[in-house]
Amino acid sequence: MKAKKLIVNFVLIPLIVLLVILVFAFFLVGNTAIKKGIEVAGSKTLGVPVTVKDIDLSLLRGRVGIQGLVVKNPEGYANETLLELGEGVVNLNIGSLFSDTIKIELIKLDGTKLTMEQKGLTNNLKEILDRLPKEGKAETEAEKNGKNLNVAKL
């Protein structure tokens, strides 16, 4: 009986407290961390500045929203931006993540502006795509047998 009390007092209660603190911290700074991650990783991968105005992530509702996504043009182009997204929303059926078919209820892209600009024999989109890492690996068996995707409304 004493061993159970020790386990509860020194293992279970601290784990529950830690979990509550982590969940609370995620709600306080989670969206900001995701926003910063998109900006840093996007800018590094594309080689041009990427900014995001706001992120709204709701794991329990299966919803992610992004506002004010801007991908700048490479240097030397007249237009400042390649891509602007006013608002993007994805609603997902969370339960479907554990099935063979992932069900996306809605993908909405409002206020999307893509500006392609020619410069000599190249264009702004091609310059950015050429900077992306080239994949040369063979497809694994797990990748071949991926999940199905069902989008209800686009």
C-alpha atoms as a PDB file:
ATOM      1  CA  MET A   1       0.000   0.000   0.000  1.00  0.00           C
ATOM      2  CA  LYS A   2       2.871   2.318   0.851  1.00  0.00           C
ATOM      3  CA  ALA A   3       4.504   1.632  -2.541  1.00  0.00           C
ATOM      4  CA  LYS A   4       1.306   2.690  -4.349  1.00  0.00           C
ATOM      5  CA  LYS A   5       1.193   5.934  -2.363  1.00  0.00           C
ATOM      6  CA  LEU A   6       4.834   6.642  -3.232  1.00  0.00           C
ATOM      7  CA  ILE A   7       4.207   5.991  -6.943  1.00  0.00           C
ATOM      8  CA  VAL A   8       1.167   8.274  -6.947  1.00  0.00           C
ATOM      9  CA  ASN A   9       2.913  11.050  -4.975  1.00  0.00           C
ATOM     10  CA  PHE A  10       6.266  11.004  -6.748  1.00  0.00           C
ATOM     11  CA  VAL A  11       5.453   9.805 -10.263  1.00  0.00           C
ATOM     12  CA  LEU A  12       1.817  10.171 -11.253  1.00  0.00           C
ATOM     13  CA  ILE A  13       1.045  13.585  -9.730  1.00  0.00           C
ATOM     14  CA  PRO A  14       4.213  15.256 -11.111  1.00  0.00           C
ATOM     15  CA  LEU A  15       3.476  13.794 -14.574  1.00  0.00           C
ATOM     16  CA  ILE A  16      -0.063  15.165 -14.511  1.00  0.00           C
ATOM     17  CA  VAL A  17       1.178  18.582 -13.347  1.00  0.00           C
ATOM     18  CA  LEU A  18       3.828  18.594 -16.091  1.00  0.00           C
ATOM     19  CA  LEU A  19       1.244  17.662 -18.722  1.00  0.00           C
ATOM     20  CA  VAL A  20      -1.078  20.469 -17.575  1.00  0.00           C
ATOM     21  CA  ILE A  21       1.818  22.964 -17.700  1.00  0.00           C
ATOM     22  CA  LEU A  22       2.811  21.830 -21.209  1.00  0.00           C
ATOM     23  CA  VAL A  23      -0.755  22.093 -22.510  1.00  0.00           C
ATOM     24  CA  PHE A  24      -1.130  25.551 -20.950  1.00  0.00           C
ATOM     25  CA  ALA A  25       2.225  26.671 -22.396  1.00  0.00           C
ATOM     26  CA  PHE A  26       1.227  25.413 -25.849  1.00  0.00           C
ATOM     27  CA  PHE A  27      -1.994  27.432 -25.727  1.00  0.00           C
ATOM     28  CA  LEU A  28      -0.016  30.521 -24.717  1.00  0.00           C
ATOM     29  CA  VAL A  29       2.851  30.330 -27.225  1.00  0.00           C
ATOM     30  CA  GLY A  30       2.033  27.442 -29.576  1.00  0.00           C
ATOM     31  CA  ASN A  31       0.585  29.514 -32.400  1.00  0.00           C
ATOM     32  CA  THR A  32       3.464  31.994 -32.156  1.00  0.00           C
ATOM     33  CA  ALA A  33       6.015  29.166 -32.305  1.00  0.00           C
ATOM     34  CA  ILE A  34       4.326  27.624 -35.359  1.00  0.00           C
ATOM     35  CA  LYS A  35       4.168  31.024 -37.077  1.00  0.00           C
ATOM     36  CA  LYS A  36       7.874  31.602 -36.441  1.00  0.00           C
ATOM     37  CA  GLY A  37       8.690  28.074 -37.630  1.00  0.00           C
ATOM     38  CA  ILE A  38       6.855  28.623 -40.920  1.00  0.00           C
ATOM     39  CA  GLU A  39       8.651  31.927 -41.474  1.00  0.00           C
ATOM     40  CA  VAL A  40      12.131  30.597 -40.670  1.00  0.00           C
ATOM     41  CA  ALA A  41      11.812  27.248 -42.471  1.00  0.00           C
ATOM     42  CA  GLY A  42       9.995  28.773 -45.450  1.00  0.00           C
ATOM     43  CA  SER A  43      12.563  31.534 -45.870  1.00  0.00           C
ATOM     44  CA  LYS A  44      15.466  29.095 -45.566  1.00  0.00           C
ATOM     45  CA  THR A  45      13.971  26.536 -47.960  1.00  0.00           C
ATOM     46  CA  LEU A  46      12.772  28.980 -50.630  1.00  0.00           C
ATOM     47  CA  GLY A  47      15.677  31.425 -50.341  1.00  0.00           C
ATOM     48  CA  VAL A  48      13.315  34.417 -50.159  1.00  0.00           C
ATOM     49  CA  PRO A  49      11.580  36.071 -47.184  1.00  0.00           C
ATOM     50  CA  VAL A  50       8.366  34.359 -46.043  1.00  0.00           C
ATOM     51  CA  THR A  51       6.067  36.088 -43.548  1.00  0.00           C
ATOM     52  CA  VAL A  52       2.842  35.104 -41.813  1.00  0.00           C
ATOM     53  CA  LYS A  53       0.461  37.506 -40.108  1.00  0.00           C
ATOM     54  CA  ASP A  54      -1.311  34.978 -37.871  1.00  0.00           C
ATOM     55  CA  ILE A  55      -1.818  31.250 -37.259  1.00  0.00           C
ATOM     56  CA  ASP A  56      -4.855  29.664 -35.626  1.00  0.00           C
ATOM     57  CA  LEU A  57      -4.346  26.018 -34.665  1.00  0.00           C
ATOM     58  CA  SER A  58      -7.086  24.057 -32.937  1.00  0.00           C
ATOM     59  CA  LEU A  59      -6.000  20.445 -32.505  1.00  0.00           C
ATOM     60  CA  LEU A  60      -9.185  19.295 -30.799  1.00  0.00           C
ATOM     61  CA  ARG A  61     -11.403  20.679 -33.574  1.00  0.00           C
ATOM     62  CA  GLY A  62      -9.047  19.560 -36.352  1.00  0.00           C
ATOM     63  CA  ARG A  63      -8.703  23.064 -37.742  1.00  0.00           C
ATOM     64  CA  VAL A  64      -5.737  25.102 -38.864  1.00  0.00           C
ATOM     65  CA  GLY A  65      -5.969  28.620 -40.216  1.00  0.00           C
ATOM     66  CA  ILE A  66      -3.326  30.913 -41.637  1.00  0.00           C
ATOM     67  CA  GLN A  67      -3.707  34.604 -42.375  1.00  0.00           C
ATOM     68  CA  GLY A  68      -1.467  36.923 -44.337  1.00  0.00           C
ATOM     69  CA  LEU A  69       1.041  34.478 -45.838  1.00  0.00           C
ATOM     70  CA  VAL A  70       3.468  36.364 -48.104  1.00  0.00           C
ATOM     71  CA  VAL A  71       6.296  34.863 -50.173  1.00  0.00           C
ATOM     72  CA  LYS A  72       8.575  37.584 -51.547  1.00  0.00           C
ATOM     73  CA  ASN A  73      10.099  37.559 -55.018  1.00  0.00           C
ATOM     74  CA  PRO A  74      13.806  36.905 -55.613  1.00  0.00           C
ATOM     75  CA  GLU A  75      15.902  40.030 -56.157  1.00  0.00           C
ATOM     76  CA  GLY A  76      15.735  41.647 -59.574  1.00  0.00           C
ATOM     77  CA  TYR A  77      11.978  41.404 -60.187  1.00  0.00           C
ATOM     78  CA  ALA A  78       9.652  44.405 -60.439  1.00  0.00           C
ATOM     79  CA  ASN A  79       6.908  42.974 -58.221  1.00  0.00           C
ATOM     80  CA  GLU A  80       7.600  42.674 -54.521  1.00  0.00           C
ATOM     81  CA  THR A  81       5.787  39.371 -53.972  1.00  0.00           C
ATOM     82  CA  LEU A  82       5.435  36.024 -55.699  1.00  0.00           C
ATOM     83  CA  LEU A  83       2.552  34.746 -53.561  1.00  0.00           C
ATOM     84  CA  GLU A  84       0.057  36.335 -51.189  1.00  0.00           C
ATOM     85  CA  LEU A  85      -2.604  34.421 -49.283  1.00  0.00           C
ATOM     86  CA  GLY A  86      -5.245  36.399 -47.419  1.00  0.00           C
ATOM     87  CA  GLU A  87      -6.665  33.464 -45.485  1.00  0.00           C
ATOM     88  CA  GLY A  88      -6.262  29.712 -45.645  1.00  0.00           C
ATOM     89  CA  VAL A  89      -8.297  27.207 -43.631  1.00  0.00           C
ATOM     90  CA  VAL A  90      -8.154  23.410 -43.415  1.00  0.00           C
ATOM     91  CA  ASN A  91     -10.794  21.476 -41.448  1.00  0.00           C
ATOM     92  CA  LEU A  92      -9.959  17.838 -40.804  1.00  0.00           C
ATOM     93  CA  ASN A  93     -11.963  14.964 -39.365  1.00  0.00           C
ATOM     94  CA  ILE A  94      -9.628  14.040 -36.480  1.00  0.00           C
ATOM     95  CA  GLY A  95     -11.009  10.504 -36.161  1.00  0.00           C
ATOM     96  CA  SER A  96     -10.067   9.759 -39.762  1.00  0.00           C
ATOM     97  CA  LEU A  97      -6.352  10.051 -38.912  1.00  0.00           C
ATOM     98  CA  PHE A  98      -6.553   6.523 -37.511  1.00  0.00           C
ATOM     99  CA  SER A  99      -8.285   5.060 -40.569  1.00  0.00           C
ATOM    100  CA  ASP A 100      -7.066   4.200 -44.066  1.00  0.00           C
ATOM    101  CA  THR A 101      -8.675   7.348 -45.518  1.00  0.00           C
ATOM    102  CA  ILE A 102      -7.979  10.795 -44.110  1.00  0.00           C
ATOM    103  CA  LYS A 103     -11.080  12.961 -44.492  1.00  0.00           C
ATOM    104  CA  ILE A 104     -10.568  16.672 -45.025  1.00  0.00           C
ATOM    105  CA  GLU A 105     -13.888  18.465 -44.741  1.00  0.00           C
ATOM    106  CA  LEU A 106     -12.724  21.822 -46.130  1.00  0.00           C
ATOM    107  CA  ILE A 107      -9.742  23.481 -47.774  1.00  0.00           C
ATOM    108  CA  LYS A 108     -10.356  27.187 -48.273  1.00  0.00           C
ATOM    109  CA  LEU A 109      -7.898  29.659 -49.823  1.00  0.00           C
ATOM    110  CA  ASP A 110      -9.226  33.243 -49.880  1.00  0.00           C
ATOM    111  CA  GLY A 111      -7.422  36.262 -51.262  1.00  0.00           C
ATOM    112  CA  THR A 112      -4.790  34.274 -53.140  1.00  0.00           C
ATOM    113  CA  LYS A 113      -2.564  36.231 -55.492  1.00  0.00           C
ATOM    114  CA  LEU A 114       0.209  34.560 -57.515  1.00  0.00           C
ATOM    115  CA  THR A 115       2.366  36.895 -59.607  1.00  0.00           C
ATOM    116  CA  MET A 116       4.541  35.229 -62.241  1.00  0.00           C
ATOM    117  CA  GLU A 117       7.083  37.535 -63.808  1.00  0.00           C
ATOM    118  CA  GLN A 118       9.337  36.735 -66.760  1.00  0.00           C
ATOM    119  CA  LYS A 119      12.976  37.871 -66.737  1.00  0.00           C
ATOM    120  CA  GLY A 120      14.949  36.787 -69.801  1.00  0.00           C
ATOM    121  CA  LEU A 121      14.691  33.010 -70.195  1.00  0.00           C
ATOM    122  CA  THR A 122      13.573  32.425 -66.600  1.00  0.00           C
ATOM    123  CA  ASN A 123      10.823  33.580 -64.254  1.00  0.00           C
ATOM    124  CA  ASN A 124      10.391  34.216 -60.543  1.00  0.00           C
ATOM    125  CA  LEU A 125       8.618  30.928 -59.816  1.00  0.00           C
ATOM    126  CA  LYS A 126      11.249  28.853 -61.621  1.00  0.00           C
ATOM    127  CA  GLU A 127      14.041  30.593 -59.695  1.00  0.00           C
ATOM    128  CA  ILE A 128      12.421  29.682 -56.390  1.00  0.00           C
ATOM    129  CA  LEU A 129      11.620  26.104 -57.454  1.00  0.00           C
ATOM    130  CA  ASP A 130      15.227  25.619 -58.611  1.00  0.00           C
ATOM    131  CA  ARG A 131      16.396  26.398 -55.050  1.00  0.00           C
ATOM    132  CA  LEU A 132      14.402  23.548 -53.549  1.00  0.00           C
ATOM    133  CA  PRO A 133      16.415  20.460 -52.612  1.00  0.00           C
ATOM    134  CA  LYS A 134      16.365  17.717 -55.207  1.00  0.00           C
ATOM    135  CA  GLU A 135      15.091  14.353 -54.020  1.00  0.00           C
ATOM    136  CA  GLY A 136      16.862  11.313 -55.377  1.00  0.00           C
ATOM    137  CA  LYS A 137      15.877   8.593 -52.923  1.00  0.00           C
ATOM    138  CA  ALA A 138      13.910   5.533 -53.915  1.00  0.00           C
ATOM    139  CA  GLU A 139      10.377   5.226 -52.618  1.00  0.00           C
ATOM    140  CA  THR A 140      10.061   2.889 -49.619  1.00  0.00           C
ATOM    141  CA  GLU A 141       7.310   0.312 -49.209  1.00  0.00           C
ATOM    142  CA  ALA A 142       5.671   2.469 -46.507  1.00  0.00           C
ATOM    143  CA  GLU A 143       5.560   5.441 -48.868  1.00  0.00           C
ATOM    144  CA  LYS A 144       3.996   3.330 -51.623  1.00  0.00           C
ATOM    145  CA  ASN A 145       1.258   2.132 -49.268  1.00  0.00           C
ATOM    146  CA  GLY A 146       0.286   5.553 -47.895  1.00  0.00           C
ATOM    147  CA  LYS A 147      -3.161   6.622 -46.795  1.00  0.00           C
ATOM    148  CA  ASN A 148      -5.989   7.720 -49.037  1.00  0.00           C
ATOM    149  CA  LEU A 149      -7.141  11.320 -48.963  1.00  0.00           C
ATOM    150  CA  ASN A 150     -10.741  12.468 -49.309  1.00  0.00           C
ATOM    151  CA  VAL A 151     -11.396  16.219 -49.655  1.00  0.00           C
ATOM    152  CA  ALA A 152     -15.088  17.057 -49.323  1.00  0.00           C
ATOM    153  CA  LYS A 153     -14.959  20.758 -50.223  1.00  0.00           C
ATOM    154  CA  LEU A 154     -12.211  22.732 -51.945  1.00  0.00           C
END
